[in-house]
C-alpha cells in the first residue's frame, strides 16, 4: 500500500499535467488567432509554441508513467 506522501505526489503530478494541458490549449487558441490576424507566424512564436507542447507531453508522460507503477 503506497504511503500518503506518495499518493499526494502522484496527485500533484496529475494536476500539474492537466494544468499544462489547459495552458497548452490556451496557447494553441492564441496562436490560431494570431495566425488569422497577422500572417506569417514568426519563427520565434512557433518555437515557443512547440517548446510548450513538448514540455506538456513530457509532463503528461511522467504523470502517466508514475500512475502505472
PDB file of N, CA and C in Angstrom:
ATOM      1  N   UNK A   1       0.854  -1.197   0.000  1.00  0.00           N
ATOM      2  CA  UNK A   1       0.000   0.000   0.000  1.00  0.00           C
ATOM      3  C   UNK A   1       0.889   1.247   0.000  1.00  0.00           C
ATOM      4  N   UNK A   2       0.704   2.130  -0.966  1.00  0.00           N
ATOM      5  CA  UNK A   2       1.559   3.337  -1.028  1.00  0.00           C
ATOM      6  C   UNK A   2       1.332   4.256   0.170  1.00  0.00           C
ATOM      7  N   UNK A   3       2.394   4.933   0.542  1.00  0.00           N
ATOM      8  CA  UNK A   3       2.293   5.893   1.639  1.00  0.00           C
ATOM      9  C   UNK A   3       1.498   7.103   1.189  1.00  0.00           C
ATOM     10  N   UNK A   4       0.973   7.847   2.174  1.00  0.00           N
ATOM     11  CA  UNK A   4       0.182   9.044   1.883  1.00  0.00           C
ATOM     12  C   UNK A   4       1.000  10.059   1.076  1.00  0.00           C
ATOM     13  N   UNK A   5       2.262  10.240   1.436  1.00  0.00           N
ATOM     14  CA  UNK A   5       3.129  11.183   0.734  1.00  0.00           C
ATOM     15  C   UNK A   5       3.235  10.851  -0.747  1.00  0.00           C
ATOM     16  N   UNK A   6       3.372   9.559  -1.060  1.00  0.00           N
ATOM     17  CA  UNK A   6       3.477   9.135  -2.460  1.00  0.00           C
ATOM     18  C   UNK A   6       2.178   9.425  -3.202  1.00  0.00           C
ATOM     19  N   UNK A   7       1.056   9.175  -2.533  1.00  0.00           N
ATOM     20  CA  UNK A   7      -0.246   9.447  -3.171  1.00  0.00           C
ATOM     21  C   UNK A   7      -0.394  10.932  -3.459  1.00  0.00           C
ATOM     22  N   UNK A   8       0.022  11.773  -2.521  1.00  0.00           N
ATOM     23  CA  UNK A   8      -0.072  13.219  -2.719  1.00  0.00           C
ATOM     24  C   UNK A   8       0.807  13.661  -3.882  1.00  0.00           C
ATOM     25  N   UNK A   9       2.014  13.120  -3.950  1.00  0.00           N
ATOM     26  CA  UNK A   9       2.925  13.473  -5.044  1.00  0.00           C
ATOM     27  C   UNK A   9       2.320  13.091  -6.389  1.00  0.00           C
ATOM     28  N   UNK A  10       1.719  11.894  -6.433  1.00  0.00           N
ATOM     29  CA  UNK A  10       1.100  11.448  -7.687  1.00  0.00           C
ATOM     30  C   UNK A  10      -0.038  12.395  -8.070  1.00  0.00           C
ATOM     31  N   UNK A  11      -0.864  12.764  -7.100  1.00  0.00           N
ATOM     32  CA  UNK A  11      -1.993  13.672  -7.365  1.00  0.00           C
ATOM     33  C   UNK A  11      -1.489  15.008  -7.883  1.00  0.00           C
ATOM     34  N   UNK A  12      -0.417  15.521  -7.269  1.00  0.00           N
ATOM     35  CA  UNK A  12       0.179  16.783  -7.734  1.00  0.00           C
ATOM     36  C   UNK A  12       0.627  16.672  -9.182  1.00  0.00           C
ATOM     37  N   UNK A  13       1.264  15.557  -9.528  1.00  0.00           N
ATOM     38  CA  UNK A  13       1.749  15.361 -10.902  1.00  0.00           C
ATOM     39  C   UNK A  13       0.594  15.363 -11.889  1.00  0.00           C
ATOM     40  N   UNK A  14      -0.483  14.651 -11.537  1.00  0.00           N
ATOM     41  CA  UNK A  14      -1.636  14.570 -12.439  1.00  0.00           C
ATOM     42  C   UNK A  14      -2.253  15.951 -12.620  1.00  0.00           C
ATOM     43  N   UNK A  15      -2.409  16.685 -11.516  1.00  0.00           N
ATOM     44  CA  UNK A  15      -2.996  18.027 -11.585  1.00  0.00           C
ATOM     45  C   UNK A  15      -2.113  18.941 -12.420  1.00  0.00           C
ATOM     46  N   UNK A  16      -0.801  18.894 -12.193  1.00  0.00           N
ATOM     47  CA  UNK A  16       0.083  19.791 -12.938  1.00  0.00           C
ATOM     48  C   UNK A  16       0.064  19.438 -14.430  1.00  0.00           C
ATOM     49  N   UNK A  17      -0.036  18.160 -14.761  1.00  0.00           N
ATOM     50  CA  UNK A  17      -0.114  17.759 -16.176  1.00  0.00           C
ATOM     51  C   UNK A  17      -1.394  18.292 -16.804  1.00  0.00           C
ATOM     52  N   UNK A  18      -2.486  18.238 -16.030  1.00  0.00           N
ATOM     53  CA  UNK A  18      -3.766  18.751 -16.564  1.00  0.00           C
ATOM     54  C   UNK A  18      -3.693  20.262 -16.757  1.00  0.00           C
ATOM     55  N   UNK A  19      -3.085  20.958 -15.797  1.00  0.00           N
ATOM     56  CA  UNK A  19      -2.950  22.411 -15.922  1.00  0.00           C
ATOM     57  C   UNK A  19      -2.104  22.747 -17.141  1.00  0.00           C
ATOM     58  N   UNK A  20      -1.042  21.981 -17.358  1.00  0.00           N
ATOM     59  CA  UNK A  20      -0.205  22.197 -18.536  1.00  0.00           C
ATOM     60  C   UNK A  20      -1.013  21.986 -19.804  1.00  0.00           C
ATOM     61  N   UNK A  21      -1.895  20.976 -19.778  1.00  0.00           N
ATOM     62  CA  UNK A  21      -2.737  20.704 -20.932  1.00  0.00           C
ATOM     63  C   UNK A  21      -3.631  21.891 -21.245  1.00  0.00           C
ATOM     64  N   UNK A  22      -4.224  22.471 -20.194  1.00  0.00           N
ATOM     65  CA  UNK A  22      -5.082  23.636 -20.387  1.00  0.00           C
ATOM     66  C   UNK A  22      -4.266  24.807 -20.917  1.00  0.00           C
ATOM     67  N   UNK A  23      -3.069  24.982 -20.353  1.00  0.00           N
ATOM     68  CA  UNK A  23      -2.213  26.092 -20.770  1.00  0.00           C
ATOM     69  C   UNK A  23      -1.808  25.931 -22.239  1.00  0.00           C
ATOM     70  N   UNK A  24      -1.440  24.712 -22.610  1.00  0.00           N
ATOM     71  CA  UNK A  24      -1.045  24.460 -23.998  1.00  0.00           C
ATOM     72  C   UNK A  24      -2.230  24.697 -24.932  1.00  0.00           C
ATOM     73  N   UNK A  25      -3.414  24.288 -24.485  1.00  0.00           N
ATOM     74  CA  UNK A  25      -4.611  24.501 -25.311  1.00  0.00           C
ATOM     75  C   UNK A  25      -4.860  25.996 -25.496  1.00  0.00           C
ATOM     76  N   UNK A  26      -4.716  26.752 -24.409  1.00  0.00           N
ATOM     77  CA  UNK A  26      -4.925  28.200 -24.483  1.00  0.00           C
ATOM     78  C   UNK A  26      -3.907  28.837 -25.435  1.00  0.00           C
ATOM     79  N   UNK A  27      -2.659  28.403 -25.347  1.00  0.00           N
ATOM     80  CA  UNK A  27      -1.621  28.916 -26.253  1.00  0.00           C
ATOM     81  C   UNK A  27      -1.991  28.603 -27.696  1.00  0.00           C
ATOM     82  N   UNK A  28      -2.469  27.391 -27.903  1.00  0.00           N
ATOM     83  CA  UNK A  28      -2.837  26.977 -29.254  1.00  0.00           C
ATOM     84  C   UNK A  28      -3.931  27.897 -29.803  1.00  0.00           C
ATOM     85  N   UNK A  29      -4.938  28.183 -28.968  1.00  0.00           N
ATOM     86  CA  UNK A  29      -6.009  29.091 -29.386  1.00  0.00           C
ATOM     87  C   UNK A  29      -5.438  30.471 -29.722  1.00  0.00           C
ATOM     88  N   UNK A  30      -4.539  30.955 -28.847  1.00  0.00           N
ATOM     89  CA  UNK A  30      -3.922  32.267 -29.079  1.00  0.00           C
ATOM     90  C   UNK A  30      -3.160  32.285 -30.402  1.00  0.00           C
ATOM     91  N   UNK A  31      -2.421  31.209 -30.681  1.00  0.00           N
ATOM     92  CA  UNK A  31      -1.644  31.163 -31.918  1.00  0.00           C
ATOM     93  C   UNK A  31      -2.545  31.088 -33.144  1.00  0.00           C
ATOM     94  N   UNK A  32      -3.656  30.363 -33.019  1.00  0.00           N
ATOM     95  CA  UNK A  32      -4.591  30.306 -34.140  1.00  0.00           C
ATOM     96  C   UNK A  32      -5.146  31.700 -34.414  1.00  0.00           C
ATOM     97  N   UNK A  33      -5.483  32.425 -33.353  1.00  0.00           N
ATOM     98  CA  UNK A  33      -5.990  33.797 -33.512  1.00  0.00           C
ATOM     99  C   UNK A  33      -4.917  34.692 -34.126  1.00  0.00           C
ATOM    100  N   UNK A  34      -3.681  34.529 -33.653  1.00  0.00           N
ATOM    101  CA  UNK A  34      -2.571  35.314 -34.188  1.00  0.00           C
ATOM    102  C   UNK A  34      -2.387  35.050 -35.678  1.00  0.00           C
ATOM    103  N   UNK A  35      -2.498  33.788 -36.035  1.00  0.00           N
ATOM    104  CA  UNK A  35      -2.287  33.407 -37.436  1.00  0.00           C
ATOM    105  C   UNK A  35      -3.302  34.118 -38.332  1.00  0.00           C
ATOM    106  N   UNK A  36      -4.535  34.227 -37.843  1.00  0.00           N
ATOM    107  CA  UNK A  36      -5.577  34.901 -38.621  1.00  0.00           C
ATOM    108  C   UNK A  36      -5.269  36.399 -38.726  1.00  0.00           C
ATOM    109  N   UNK A  37      -4.823  36.979 -37.599  1.00  0.00           N
ATOM    110  CA  UNK A  37      -4.605  38.430 -37.567  1.00  0.00           C
ATOM    111  C   UNK A  37      -3.358  38.860 -38.325  1.00  0.00           C
ATOM    112  N   UNK A  38      -2.245  38.157 -38.094  1.00  0.00           N
ATOM    113  CA  UNK A  38      -1.006  38.614 -38.735  1.00  0.00           C
ATOM    114  C   UNK A  38      -0.229  37.429 -39.300  1.00  0.00           C
ATOM    115  N   UNK A  39      -0.261  37.303 -40.601  1.00  0.00           N
ATOM    116  CA  UNK A  39       0.499  36.253 -41.270  1.00  0.00           C
ATOM    117  C   UNK A  39       1.789  36.856 -41.796  1.00  0.00           C
ATOM    118  N   UNK A  40       2.863  36.160 -41.923  1.00  0.00           N
ATOM    119  CA  UNK A  40       3.050  34.803 -41.429  1.00  0.00           C
ATOM    120  C   UNK A  40       3.470  34.795 -39.957  1.00  0.00           C
ATOM    121  N   UNK A  41       3.443  33.628 -39.348  1.00  0.00           N
ATOM    122  CA  UNK A  41       3.948  33.486 -37.979  1.00  0.00           C
ATOM    123  C   UNK A  41       5.438  33.808 -37.987  1.00  0.00           C
ATOM    124  N   UNK A  42       5.899  34.282 -36.859  1.00  0.00           N
ATOM    125  CA  UNK A  42       7.355  34.421 -36.731  1.00  0.00           C
ATOM    126  C   UNK A  42       7.912  33.086 -36.271  1.00  0.00           C
ATOM    127  N   UNK A  43       9.127  32.814 -36.641  1.00  0.00           N
ATOM    128  CA  UNK A  43       9.764  31.570 -36.193  1.00  0.00           C
ATOM    129  C   UNK A  43       9.831  31.540 -34.670  1.00  0.00           C
ATOM    130  N   UNK A  44       9.971  32.717 -34.080  1.00  0.00           N
ATOM    131  CA  UNK A  44      10.084  32.819 -32.625  1.00  0.00           C
ATOM    132  C   UNK A  44       8.833  32.267 -31.939  1.00  0.00           C
ATOM    133  N   UNK A  45       7.654  32.680 -32.407  1.00  0.00           N
ATOM    134  CA  UNK A  45       6.424  32.229 -31.763  1.00  0.00           C
ATOM    135  C   UNK A  45       6.183  30.738 -32.008  1.00  0.00           C
ATOM    136  N   UNK A  46       6.528  30.260 -33.184  1.00  0.00           N
ATOM    137  CA  UNK A  46       6.378  28.828 -33.465  1.00  0.00           C
ATOM    138  C   UNK A  46       7.278  28.028 -32.517  1.00  0.00           C
ATOM    139  N   UNK A  47       8.507  28.512 -32.351  1.00  0.00           N
ATOM    140  CA  UNK A  47       9.448  27.833 -31.466  1.00  0.00           C
ATOM    141  C   UNK A  47       8.884  27.735 -30.052  1.00  0.00           C
ATOM    142  N   UNK A  48       8.335  28.840 -29.541  1.00  0.00           N
ATOM    143  CA  UNK A  48       7.799  28.840 -28.180  1.00  0.00           C
ATOM    144  C   UNK A  48       6.576  27.934 -28.057  1.00  0.00           C
ATOM    145  N   UNK A  49       5.763  27.916 -29.085  1.00  0.00           N
ATOM    146  CA  UNK A  49       4.587  27.055 -29.081  1.00  0.00           C
ATOM    147  C   UNK A  49       5.027  25.586 -29.016  1.00  0.00           C
ATOM    148  N   UNK A  50       5.991  25.221 -29.842  1.00  0.00           N
ATOM    149  CA  UNK A  50       6.485  23.835 -29.848  1.00  0.00           C
ATOM    150  C   UNK A  50       7.138  23.485 -28.518  1.00  0.00           C
ATOM    151  N   UNK A  51       7.860  24.445 -27.955  1.00  0.00           N
ATOM    152  CA  UNK A  51       8.516  24.228 -26.673  1.00  0.00           C
ATOM    153  C   UNK A  51       7.468  23.901 -25.592  1.00  0.00           C
ATOM    154  N   UNK A  52       6.370  24.643 -25.578  1.00  0.00           N
ATOM    155  CA  UNK A  52       5.294  24.395 -24.618  1.00  0.00           C
ATOM    156  C   UNK A  52       4.657  23.033 -24.832  1.00  0.00           C
ATOM    157  N   UNK A  53       4.417  22.677 -26.072  1.00  0.00           N
ATOM    158  CA  UNK A  53       3.798  21.378 -26.374  1.00  0.00           C
ATOM    159  C   UNK A  53       4.718  20.246 -25.918  1.00  0.00           C
ATOM    160  N   UNK A  54       6.009  20.364 -26.216  1.00  0.00           N
ATOM    161  CA  UNK A  54       6.969  19.337 -25.822  1.00  0.00           C
ATOM    162  C   UNK A  54       7.015  19.228 -24.299  1.00  0.00           C
ATOM    163  N   UNK A  55       7.027  20.380 -23.625  1.00  0.00           N
ATOM    164  CA  UNK A  55       7.021  20.380 -22.158  1.00  0.00           C
ATOM    165  C   UNK A  55       5.781  19.702 -21.608  1.00  0.00           C
ATOM    166  N   UNK A  56       4.633  19.974 -22.209  1.00  0.00           N
ATOM    167  CA  UNK A  56       3.383  19.361 -21.760  1.00  0.00           C
ATOM    168  C   UNK A  56       3.422  17.849 -21.957  1.00  0.00           C
ATOM    169  N   UNK A  57       3.886  17.419 -23.118  1.00  0.00           N
ATOM    170  CA  UNK A  57       3.933  15.984 -23.405  1.00  0.00           C
ATOM    171  C   UNK A  57       4.843  15.278 -22.409  1.00  0.00           C
ATOM    172  N   UNK A  58       5.990  15.884 -22.102  1.00  0.00           N
ATOM    173  CA  UNK A  58       6.909  15.301 -21.121  1.00  0.00           C
ATOM    174  C   UNK A  58       6.230  15.156 -19.765  1.00  0.00           C
ATOM    175  N   UNK A  59       5.567  16.236 -19.306  1.00  0.00           N
ATOM    176  CA  UNK A  59       4.906  16.197 -18.006  1.00  0.00           C
ATOM    177  C   UNK A  59       3.779  15.168 -17.980  1.00  0.00           C
ATOM    178  N   UNK A  60       3.000  15.133 -19.042  1.00  0.00           N
ATOM    179  CA  UNK A  60       1.893  14.173 -19.113  1.00  0.00           C
ATOM    180  C   UNK A  60       2.436  12.750 -19.106  1.00  0.00           C
ATOM    181  N   UNK A  61       3.527  12.533 -19.840  1.00  0.00           N
ATOM    182  CA  UNK A  61       4.135  11.208 -19.894  1.00  0.00           C
ATOM    183  C   UNK A  61       4.657  10.814 -18.520  1.00  0.00           C
ATOM    184  N   UNK A  62       5.301  11.745 -17.830  1.00  0.00           N
ATOM    185  CA  UNK A  62       5.794  11.466 -16.483  1.00  0.00           C
ATOM    186  C   UNK A  62       4.644  11.117 -15.548  1.00  0.00           C
ATOM    187  N   UNK A  63       3.574  11.882 -15.630  1.00  0.00           N
ATOM    188  CA  UNK A  63       2.422  11.644 -14.755  1.00  0.00           C
ATOM    189  C   UNK A  63       1.814  10.267 -15.020  1.00  0.00           C
ATOM    190  N   UNK A  64       1.674   9.891 -16.287  1.00  0.00           N
ATOM    191  CA  UNK A  64       1.056   8.600 -16.597  1.00  0.00           C
ATOM    192  C   UNK A  64       2.008   7.458 -16.287  1.00  0.00           C
ATOM    193  N   UNK A  65       3.300   7.659 -16.489  1.00  0.00           N
ATOM    194  CA  UNK A  65       4.235   6.568 -16.195  1.00  0.00           C
ATOM    195  C   UNK A  65       4.307   6.323 -14.688  1.00  0.00           C
ATOM    196  N   UNK A  66       4.134   7.373 -13.885  1.00  0.00           N
ATOM    197  CA  UNK A  66       4.137   7.193 -12.430  1.00  0.00           C
ATOM    198  C   UNK A  66       2.849   6.531 -11.970  1.00  0.00           C
ATOM    199  N   UNK A  67       1.736   6.810 -12.632  1.00  0.00           N
ATOM    200  CA  UNK A  67       0.459   6.216 -12.211  1.00  0.00           C
ATOM    201  C   UNK A  67       0.435   4.724 -12.542  1.00  0.00           C
ATOM    202  N   UNK A  68       1.222   4.318 -13.529  1.00  0.00           N
ATOM    203  CA  UNK A  68       1.273   2.900 -13.903  1.00  0.00           C
ATOM    204  C   UNK A  68       1.979   2.075 -12.838  1.00  0.00           C
ATOM    205  N   UNK A  69       2.881   2.707 -12.095  1.00  0.00           N
ATOM    206  CA  UNK A  69       3.631   1.993 -11.053  1.00  0.00           C
ATOM    207  C   UNK A  69       2.789   1.763  -9.821  1.00  0.00           C
TER     208      UNK A  69
END
